[in-house]
PDB file of N, CA and C in Angstrom:
ATOM      1  N   UNK A   1     -12.770   1.049  14.383  1.00  0.00           N
ATOM      2  CA  UNK A   1     -11.408   1.517  14.244  1.00  0.00           C
ATOM      3  C   UNK A   1     -11.404   2.975  13.836  1.00  0.00           C
ATOM      4  N   UNK A   2     -10.511   3.582  14.602  1.00  0.00           N
ATOM      5  CA  UNK A   2     -10.452   5.128  14.291  1.00  0.00           C
ATOM      6  C   UNK A   2      -9.768   5.379  12.937  1.00  0.00           C
ATOM      7  N   UNK A   3      -9.866   6.709  12.476  1.00  0.00           N
ATOM      8  CA  UNK A   3      -9.291   6.945  11.277  1.00  0.00           C
ATOM      9  C   UNK A   3      -7.706   6.887  11.142  1.00  0.00           C
ATOM     10  N   UNK A   4      -7.135   7.298  12.336  1.00  0.00           N
ATOM     11  CA  UNK A   4      -5.747   7.266  12.377  1.00  0.00           C
ATOM     12  C   UNK A   4      -5.170   5.780  12.465  1.00  0.00           C
ATOM     13  N   UNK A   5      -5.954   4.967  13.218  1.00  0.00           N
ATOM     14  CA  UNK A   5      -5.530   3.520  13.082  1.00  0.00           C
ATOM     15  C   UNK A   5      -5.811   2.899  11.820  1.00  0.00           C
ATOM     16  N   UNK A   6      -6.780   3.318  11.059  1.00  0.00           N
ATOM     17  CA  UNK A   6      -6.971   2.772   9.731  1.00  0.00           C
ATOM     18  C   UNK A   6      -5.753   3.213   8.886  1.00  0.00           C
ATOM     19  N   UNK A   7      -5.338   4.332   9.089  1.00  0.00           N
ATOM     20  CA  UNK A   7      -4.294   4.774   8.157  1.00  0.00           C
ATOM     21  C   UNK A   7      -3.004   4.047   8.459  1.00  0.00           C
ATOM     22  N   UNK A   8      -2.772   3.895   9.698  1.00  0.00           N
ATOM     23  CA  UNK A   8      -1.596   3.248  10.080  1.00  0.00           C
ATOM     24  C   UNK A   8      -1.599   1.748   9.753  1.00  0.00           C
ATOM     25  N   UNK A   9      -2.881   1.172   9.830  1.00  0.00           N
ATOM     26  CA  UNK A   9      -3.260  -0.234   9.383  1.00  0.00           C
ATOM     27  C   UNK A   9      -2.956  -0.472   8.090  1.00  0.00           C
ATOM     28  N   UNK A  10      -3.136   0.614   7.186  1.00  0.00           N
ATOM     29  CA  UNK A  10      -2.850   0.556   5.570  1.00  0.00           C
ATOM     30  C   UNK A  10      -1.384   0.794   5.337  1.00  0.00           C
ATOM     31  N   UNK A  11      -0.818   1.821   5.976  1.00  0.00           N
ATOM     32  CA  UNK A  11       0.559   2.230   5.444  1.00  0.00           C
ATOM     33  C   UNK A  11       1.617   1.364   5.978  1.00  0.00           C
ATOM     34  N   UNK A  12       1.430   0.878   7.407  1.00  0.00           N
ATOM     35  CA  UNK A  12       2.582   0.121   7.752  1.00  0.00           C
ATOM     36  C   UNK A  12       2.724  -1.242   7.102  1.00  0.00           C
ATOM     37  N   UNK A  13       1.767  -2.078   6.941  1.00  0.00           N
ATOM     38  CA  UNK A  13       1.974  -3.426   6.143  1.00  0.00           C
ATOM     39  C   UNK A  13       2.407  -3.120   4.586  1.00  0.00           C
ATOM     40  N   UNK A  14       1.675  -2.032   4.117  1.00  0.00           N
ATOM     41  CA  UNK A  14       2.206  -1.751   2.747  1.00  0.00           C
ATOM     42  C   UNK A  14       3.588  -1.430   2.542  1.00  0.00           C
ATOM     43  N   UNK A  15       4.105  -0.667   3.624  1.00  0.00           N
ATOM     44  CA  UNK A  15       5.566  -0.298   3.745  1.00  0.00           C
ATOM     45  C   UNK A  15       6.469  -1.543   3.623  1.00  0.00           C
ATOM     46  N   UNK A  16       6.074  -2.533   4.560  1.00  0.00           N
ATOM     47  CA  UNK A  16       6.701  -3.809   4.627  1.00  0.00           C
ATOM     48  C   UNK A  16       6.666  -4.518   3.358  1.00  0.00           C
ATOM     49  N   UNK A  17       5.521  -4.705   2.723  1.00  0.00           N
ATOM     50  CA  UNK A  17       5.468  -5.238   1.371  1.00  0.00           C
ATOM     51  C   UNK A  17       6.350  -4.446   0.278  1.00  0.00           C
ATOM     52  N   UNK A  18       6.348  -3.308   0.321  1.00  0.00           N
ATOM     53  CA  UNK A  18       7.298  -2.407  -0.602  1.00  0.00           C
ATOM     54  C   UNK A  18       8.665  -2.821  -0.268  1.00  0.00           C
ATOM     55  N   UNK A  19       9.126  -2.774   0.822  1.00  0.00           N
ATOM     56  CA  UNK A  19      10.476  -3.286   1.225  1.00  0.00           C
ATOM     57  C   UNK A  19      10.826  -4.505   0.750  1.00  0.00           C
ATOM     58  N   UNK A  20       9.988  -5.587   0.819  1.00  0.00           N
ATOM     59  CA  UNK A  20      10.265  -6.910   0.355  1.00  0.00           C
ATOM     60  C   UNK A  20      10.231  -6.945  -1.232  1.00  0.00           C
ATOM     61  N   UNK A  21       9.389  -6.151  -1.856  1.00  0.00           N
ATOM     62  CA  UNK A  21       9.317  -6.162  -3.276  1.00  0.00           C
ATOM     63  C   UNK A  21      10.611  -5.468  -3.762  1.00  0.00           C
ATOM     64  N   UNK A  22      10.918  -4.486  -3.218  1.00  0.00           N
ATOM     65  CA  UNK A  22      12.317  -3.782  -3.506  1.00  0.00           C
ATOM     66  C   UNK A  22      13.469  -4.627  -3.551  1.00  0.00           C
ATOM     67  N   UNK A  23      13.452  -5.498  -2.395  1.00  0.00           N
ATOM     68  CA  UNK A  23      14.693  -6.488  -2.303  1.00  0.00           C
ATOM     69  C   UNK A  23      14.503  -7.565  -3.372  1.00  0.00           C
ATOM     70  N   UNK A  24      13.357  -7.955  -3.537  1.00  0.00           N
ATOM     71  CA  UNK A  24      13.104  -9.088  -4.538  1.00  0.00           C
ATOM     72  C   UNK A  24      13.343  -8.628  -6.070  1.00  0.00           C
ATOM     73  N   UNK A  25      12.879  -7.498  -6.287  1.00  0.00           N
ATOM     74  CA  UNK A  25      12.994  -7.082  -7.654  1.00  0.00           C
ATOM     75  C   UNK A  25      14.341  -6.688  -8.040  1.00  0.00           C
ATOM     76  N   UNK A  26      15.168  -5.788  -7.083  1.00  0.00           N
ATOM     77  CA  UNK A  26      16.447  -5.375  -7.473  1.00  0.00           C
ATOM     78  C   UNK A  26      17.541  -6.468  -7.079  1.00  0.00           C
ATOM     79  N   UNK A  27      17.243  -7.525  -6.512  1.00  0.00           N
ATOM     80  CA  UNK A  27      18.177  -8.751  -6.369  1.00  0.00           C
ATOM     81  C   UNK A  27      18.413  -9.363  -7.869  1.00  0.00           C
ATOM     82  N   UNK A  28      17.127  -9.258  -8.530  1.00  0.00           N
ATOM     83  CA  UNK A  28      17.132  -9.786  -9.879  1.00  0.00           C
ATOM     84  C   UNK A  28      17.503  -9.071 -11.036  1.00  0.00           C
ATOM     85  N   UNK A  29      17.267  -7.639 -10.896  1.00  0.00           N
ATOM     86  CA  UNK A  29      17.291  -6.560 -11.920  1.00  0.00           C
ATOM     87  C   UNK A  29      18.194  -5.537 -11.554  1.00  0.00           C
ATOM     88  N   UNK A  30      19.062  -5.065 -12.511  1.00  0.00           N
ATOM     89  CA  UNK A  30      19.840  -3.928 -12.340  1.00  0.00           C
ATOM     90  C   UNK A  30      19.130  -2.735 -13.083  1.00  0.00           C
ATOM     91  N   UNK A  31      18.714  -1.801 -12.512  1.00  0.00           N
ATOM     92  CA  UNK A  31      17.867  -0.713 -12.989  1.00  0.00           C
ATOM     93  C   UNK A  31      18.764   0.154 -14.131  1.00  0.00           C
ATOM     94  N   UNK A  32      20.011   0.064 -14.021  1.00  0.00           N
ATOM     95  CA  UNK A  32      20.830   0.821 -15.116  1.00  0.00           C
ATOM     96  C   UNK A  32      20.814   0.010 -16.394  1.00  0.00           C
ATOM     97  N   UNK A  33      20.839  -1.215 -16.233  1.00  0.00           N
ATOM     98  CA  UNK A  33      20.803  -2.169 -17.471  1.00  0.00           C
ATOM     99  C   UNK A  33      19.576  -2.342 -18.243  1.00  0.00           C
ATOM    100  N   UNK A  34      18.456  -1.969 -17.545  1.00  0.00           N
ATOM    101  CA  UNK A  34      17.176  -2.232 -18.066  1.00  0.00           C
ATOM    102  C   UNK A  34      16.527  -0.914 -18.472  1.00  0.00           C
ATOM    103  N   UNK A  35      16.194  -0.714 -19.748  1.00  0.00           N
ATOM    104  CA  UNK A  35      15.519   0.364 -20.236  1.00  0.00           C
ATOM    105  C   UNK A  35      14.057   0.465 -19.669  1.00  0.00           C
ATOM    106  N   UNK A  36      13.699   1.390 -18.940  1.00  0.00           N
ATOM    107  CA  UNK A  36      12.466   1.623 -18.431  1.00  0.00           C
ATOM    108  C   UNK A  36      12.057   3.198 -18.450  1.00  0.00           C
ATOM    109  N   UNK A  37      12.710   3.898 -19.293  1.00  0.00           N
ATOM    110  CA  UNK A  37      12.221   5.369 -19.292  1.00  0.00           C
ATOM    111  C   UNK A  37      13.245   6.111 -18.268  1.00  0.00           C
ATOM    112  N   UNK A  38      14.116   5.341 -17.438  1.00  0.00           N
ATOM    113  CA  UNK A  38      14.965   6.225 -16.575  1.00  0.00           C
ATOM    114  C   UNK A  38      16.100   6.882 -17.171  1.00  0.00           C
ATOM    115  N   UNK A  39      16.440   6.390 -18.400  1.00  0.00           N
ATOM    116  CA  UNK A  39      17.447   6.992 -19.144  1.00  0.00           C
ATOM    117  C   UNK A  39      16.967   8.422 -19.693  1.00  0.00           C
ATOM    118  N   UNK A  40      15.704   8.536 -20.180  1.00  0.00           N
ATOM    119  CA  UNK A  40      15.186   9.711 -20.420  1.00  0.00           C
ATOM    120  C   UNK A  40      15.154  10.896 -19.488  1.00  0.00           C
ATOM    121  N   UNK A  41      14.915  10.323 -18.142  1.00  0.00           N
ATOM    122  CA  UNK A  41      14.847  11.398 -17.007  1.00  0.00           C
ATOM    123  C   UNK A  41      16.243  11.477 -16.487  1.00  0.00           C
ATOM    124  N   UNK A  42      17.373  10.792 -16.971  1.00  0.00           N
ATOM    125  CA  UNK A  42      18.724  11.102 -16.473  1.00  0.00           C
ATOM    126  C   UNK A  42      18.586  10.664 -14.919  1.00  0.00           C
ATOM    127  N   UNK A  43      18.084   9.531 -14.593  1.00  0.00           N
ATOM    128  CA  UNK A  43      17.930   9.047 -13.315  1.00  0.00           C
ATOM    129  C   UNK A  43      19.125   8.274 -12.855  1.00  0.00           C
ATOM    130  N   UNK A  44      19.663   8.214 -11.673  1.00  0.00           N
ATOM    131  CA  UNK A  44      20.816   7.502 -11.246  1.00  0.00           C
ATOM    132  C   UNK A  44      20.160   6.121 -10.640  1.00  0.00           C
ATOM    133  N   UNK A  45      21.096   5.263 -10.285  1.00  0.00           N
ATOM    134  CA  UNK A  45      20.575   3.966  -9.906  1.00  0.00           C
ATOM    135  C   UNK A  45      19.907   4.074  -8.567  1.00  0.00           C
ATOM    136  N   UNK A  46      20.361   5.040  -7.719  1.00  0.00           N
ATOM    137  CA  UNK A  46      19.610   5.233  -6.493  1.00  0.00           C
ATOM    138  C   UNK A  46      18.320   5.948  -6.743  1.00  0.00           C
ATOM    139  N   UNK A  47      18.296   6.801  -7.725  1.00  0.00           N
ATOM    140  CA  UNK A  47      16.934   7.444  -8.022  1.00  0.00           C
ATOM    141  C   UNK A  47      15.855   6.333  -8.592  1.00  0.00           C
ATOM    142  N   UNK A  48      16.258   5.487  -9.366  1.00  0.00           N
ATOM    143  CA  UNK A  48      15.512   4.236  -9.613  1.00  0.00           C
ATOM    144  C   UNK A  48      15.114   3.428  -8.592  1.00  0.00           C
ATOM    145  N   UNK A  49      15.942   3.223  -7.550  1.00  0.00           N
ATOM    146  CA  UNK A  49      15.652   2.371  -6.509  1.00  0.00           C
ATOM    147  C   UNK A  49      14.582   3.265  -5.684  1.00  0.00           C
ATOM    148  N   UNK A  50      14.744   4.538  -5.479  1.00  0.00           N
ATOM    149  CA  UNK A  50      13.843   5.290  -4.681  1.00  0.00           C
ATOM    150  C   UNK A  50      12.343   5.447  -5.222  1.00  0.00           C
ATOM    151  N   UNK A  51      12.491   5.722  -6.613  1.00  0.00           N
ATOM    152  CA  UNK A  51      11.164   5.589  -7.347  1.00  0.00           C
ATOM    153  C   UNK A  51      10.489   4.394  -7.338  1.00  0.00           C
ATOM    154  N   UNK A  52      11.217   3.296  -7.606  1.00  0.00           N
ATOM    155  CA  UNK A  52      10.472   1.988  -7.520  1.00  0.00           C
ATOM    156  C   UNK A  52       9.911   1.783  -6.216  1.00  0.00           C
ATOM    157  N   UNK A  53      10.662   2.006  -5.068  1.00  0.00           N
ATOM    158  CA  UNK A  53      10.181   1.868  -3.892  1.00  0.00           C
ATOM    159  C   UNK A  53       8.815   2.628  -3.612  1.00  0.00           C
ATOM    160  N   UNK A  54       8.683   3.780  -4.007  1.00  0.00           N
ATOM    161  CA  UNK A  54       7.508   4.400  -3.698  1.00  0.00           C
ATOM    162  C   UNK A  54       6.330   4.072  -4.633  1.00  0.00           C
ATOM    163  N   UNK A  55       6.599   3.632  -5.755  1.00  0.00           N
ATOM    164  CA  UNK A  55       5.776   2.806  -6.696  1.00  0.00           C
ATOM    165  C   UNK A  55       5.158   1.639  -6.062  1.00  0.00           C
ATOM    166  N   UNK A  56       6.146   0.843  -5.551  1.00  0.00           N
ATOM    167  CA  UNK A  56       5.753  -0.366  -4.801  1.00  0.00           C
ATOM    168  C   UNK A  56       4.880  -0.105  -3.611  1.00  0.00           C
ATOM    169  N   UNK A  57       5.189   0.932  -2.858  1.00  0.00           N
ATOM    170  CA  UNK A  57       4.533   1.341  -1.578  1.00  0.00           C
ATOM    171  C   UNK A  57       3.087   1.858  -2.016  1.00  0.00           C
ATOM    172  N   UNK A  58       3.075   2.575  -3.048  1.00  0.00           N
ATOM    173  CA  UNK A  58       1.733   3.135  -3.515  1.00  0.00           C
ATOM    174  C   UNK A  58       0.744   1.987  -3.902  1.00  0.00           C
ATOM    175  N   UNK A  59       1.402   1.029  -4.662  1.00  0.00           N
ATOM    176  CA  UNK A  59       0.572  -0.047  -5.115  1.00  0.00           C
ATOM    177  C   UNK A  59       0.128  -0.871  -4.024  1.00  0.00           C
ATOM    178  N   UNK A  60       0.846  -1.259  -3.032  1.00  0.00           N
ATOM    179  CA  UNK A  60       0.480  -2.162  -1.869  1.00  0.00           C
ATOM    180  C   UNK A  60      -0.424  -1.135  -1.084  1.00  0.00           C
ATOM    181  N   UNK A  61      -0.225   0.107  -0.856  1.00  0.00           N
ATOM    182  CA  UNK A  61      -1.171   0.880  -0.017  1.00  0.00           C
ATOM    183  C   UNK A  61      -2.631   0.946  -0.666  1.00  0.00           C
ATOM    184  N   UNK A  62      -2.635   1.038  -2.008  1.00  0.00           N
ATOM    185  CA  UNK A  62      -3.922   0.895  -2.650  1.00  0.00           C
ATOM    186  C   UNK A  62      -4.633  -0.323  -2.541  1.00  0.00           C
ATOM    187  N   UNK A  63      -3.834  -1.330  -2.587  1.00  0.00           N
ATOM    188  CA  UNK A  63      -4.612  -2.707  -2.292  1.00  0.00           C
ATOM    189  C   UNK A  63      -5.060  -2.887  -0.926  1.00  0.00           C
ATOM    190  N   UNK A  64      -4.257  -2.335   0.033  1.00  0.00           N
ATOM    191  CA  UNK A  64      -4.643  -2.385   1.457  1.00  0.00           C
ATOM    192  C   UNK A  64      -6.026  -1.428   1.601  1.00  0.00           C
ATOM    193  N   UNK A  65      -5.870  -0.207   1.234  1.00  0.00           N
ATOM    194  CA  UNK A  65      -6.944   0.558   1.254  1.00  0.00           C
ATOM    195  C   UNK A  65      -8.196   0.032   0.757  1.00  0.00           C
ATOM    196  N   UNK A  66      -8.188  -0.605  -0.272  1.00  0.00           N
ATOM    197  CA  UNK A  66      -9.315  -1.249  -0.928  1.00  0.00           C
ATOM    198  C   UNK A  66      -9.822  -2.354  -0.055  1.00  0.00           C
ATOM    199  N   UNK A  67      -8.975  -3.062   0.642  1.00  0.00           N
ATOM    200  CA  UNK A  67      -9.497  -4.113   1.631  1.00  0.00           C
ATOM    201  C   UNK A  67     -10.145  -3.438   2.718  1.00  0.00           C
ATOM    202  N   UNK A  68      -9.642  -2.259   3.406  1.00  0.00           N
ATOM    203  CA  UNK A  68     -10.185  -1.722   4.317  1.00  0.00           C
ATOM    204  C   UNK A  68     -11.631  -1.116   3.943  1.00  0.00           C
ATOM    205  N   UNK A  69     -11.648  -0.612   2.828  1.00  0.00           N
ATOM    206  CA  UNK A  69     -12.961  -0.051   2.368  1.00  0.00           C
ATOM    207  C   UNK A  69     -13.924  -1.187   2.131  1.00  0.00           C
ATOM    208  N   UNK A  70     -13.636  -2.299   1.565  1.00  0.00           N
ATOM    209  CA  UNK A  70     -14.468  -3.207   1.244  1.00  0.00           C
ATOM    210  C   UNK A  70     -14.896  -4.163   2.551  1.00  0.00           C
ATOM    211  N   UNK A  71     -13.946  -4.084   3.689  1.00  0.00           N
ATOM    212  CA  UNK A  71     -14.269  -4.749   4.905  1.00  0.00           C
ATOM    213  C   UNK A  71     -15.202  -4.098   5.811  1.00  0.00           C
ATOM    214  N   UNK A  72     -15.308  -2.751   5.557  1.00  0.00           N
ATOM    215  CA  UNK A  72     -15.996  -1.812   6.457  1.00  0.00           C
ATOM    216  C   UNK A  72     -17.514  -2.224   6.171  1.00  0.00           C
ATOM    217  N   UNK A  73     -18.327  -2.256   7.387  1.00  0.00           N
ATOM    218  CA  UNK A  73     -19.654  -2.468   7.305  1.00  0.00           C
ATOM    219  C   UNK A  73     -20.380  -1.331   6.702  1.00  0.00           C
ATOM    220  N   UNK A  74     -21.467  -1.580   5.993  1.00  0.00           N
ATOM    221  CA  UNK A  74     -22.215  -0.591   5.248  1.00  0.00           C
ATOM    222  C   UNK A  74     -22.963   0.339   6.315  1.00  0.00           C
ATOM    223  N   UNK A  75     -23.307   1.551   5.900  1.00  0.00           N
ATOM    224  CA  UNK A  75     -24.065   2.436   6.850  1.00  0.00           C
ATOM    225  C   UNK A  75     -25.348   1.857   7.489  1.00  0.00           C
ATOM    226  N   UNK A  76     -25.999   1.199   6.458  1.00  0.00           N
ATOM    227  CA  UNK A  76     -27.208   0.568   6.852  1.00  0.00           C
ATOM    228  C   UNK A  76     -27.140  -0.530   7.979  1.00  0.00           C
ATOM    229  N   UNK A  77     -25.999  -1.289   7.809  1.00  0.00           N
ATOM    230  CA  UNK A  77     -25.703  -2.349   8.790  1.00  0.00           C
ATOM    231  C   UNK A  77     -25.267  -1.803  10.041  1.00  0.00           C
ATOM    232  N   UNK A  78     -24.566  -0.586  10.214  1.00  0.00           N
ATOM    233  CA  UNK A  78     -24.196   0.042  11.382  1.00  0.00           C
ATOM    234  C   UNK A  78     -25.463   0.578  12.132  1.00  0.00           C
ATOM    235  N   UNK A  79     -26.329   1.211  11.293  1.00  0.00           N
ATOM    236  CA  UNK A  79     -27.492   1.733  12.115  1.00  0.00           C
ATOM    237  C   UNK A  79     -28.359   0.644  12.521  1.00  0.00           C
ATOM    238  N   UNK A  80     -28.521  -0.306  11.779  1.00  0.00           N
ATOM    239  CA  UNK A  80     -29.224  -1.449  12.209  1.00  0.00           C
ATOM    240  C   UNK A  80     -28.784  -2.183  13.528  1.00  0.00           C
ATOM    241  N   UNK A  81     -27.406  -2.297  13.540  1.00  0.00           N
ATOM    242  CA  UNK A  81     -26.755  -2.955  14.612  1.00  0.00           C
ATOM    243  C   UNK A  81     -26.751  -2.114  15.828  1.00  0.00           C
ATOM    244  N   UNK A  82     -26.855  -0.843  15.570  1.00  0.00           N
ATOM    245  CA  UNK A  82     -26.857   0.102  16.875  1.00  0.00           C
ATOM    246  C   UNK A  82     -28.285   0.184  17.399  1.00  0.00           C
ATOM    247  N   UNK A  83     -29.389  -0.042  16.530  1.00  0.00           N
ATOM    248  CA  UNK A  83     -30.667  -0.048  17.081  1.00  0.00           C
ATOM    249  C   UNK A  83     -31.140  -1.174  17.829  1.00  0.00           C
ATOM    250  N   UNK A  84     -30.519  -2.319  17.595  1.00  0.00           N
ATOM    251  CA  UNK A  84     -30.872  -3.615  18.127  1.00  0.00           C
ATOM    252  C   UNK A  84     -30.736  -3.572  19.634  1.00  0.00           C
ATOM    253  N   UNK A  85     -31.571  -3.981  20.472  1.00  0.00           N
ATOM    254  CA  UNK A  85     -31.419  -4.161  21.892  1.00  0.00           C
ATOM    255  C   UNK A  85     -30.342  -5.145  22.157  1.00  0.00           C
ATOM    256  N   UNK A  86     -29.601  -4.862  23.242  1.00  0.00           N
ATOM    257  CA  UNK A  86     -28.566  -5.640  23.584  1.00  0.00           C
ATOM    258  C   UNK A  86     -29.052  -6.683  24.577  1.00  0.00           C
ATOM    259  N   UNK A  87     -28.265  -7.852  24.525  1.00  0.00           N
ATOM    260  CA  UNK A  87     -28.730  -8.885  25.454  1.00  0.00           C
ATOM    261  C   UNK A  87     -28.122  -8.782  26.775  1.00  0.00           C
ATOM    262  N   UNK A  88     -28.919  -9.097  27.709  1.00  0.00           N
ATOM    263  CA  UNK A  88     -28.501  -8.907  29.171  1.00  0.00           C
ATOM    264  C   UNK A  88     -27.432  -9.806  29.383  1.00  0.00           C
TER     265      UNK A  88
END
């Protein structure tokens, strides 16, 4: 898998997860009524939604990136696989 494909494979699913988390969380929670430090930043409701979305996206992207990193074959395995003769 190429580098650009890996990045797209991490960011696109994590974007969809962030969208779902945003809908789920803010269907149940009003950011203006919950004190979470947004008052100290003088953040509007829309600012809280935007910030939360990017936090959700970052968390989901981190999880996906760890999966890609752990699923990639080790360098030794790649070298060993490339040195094996291919079956006819």
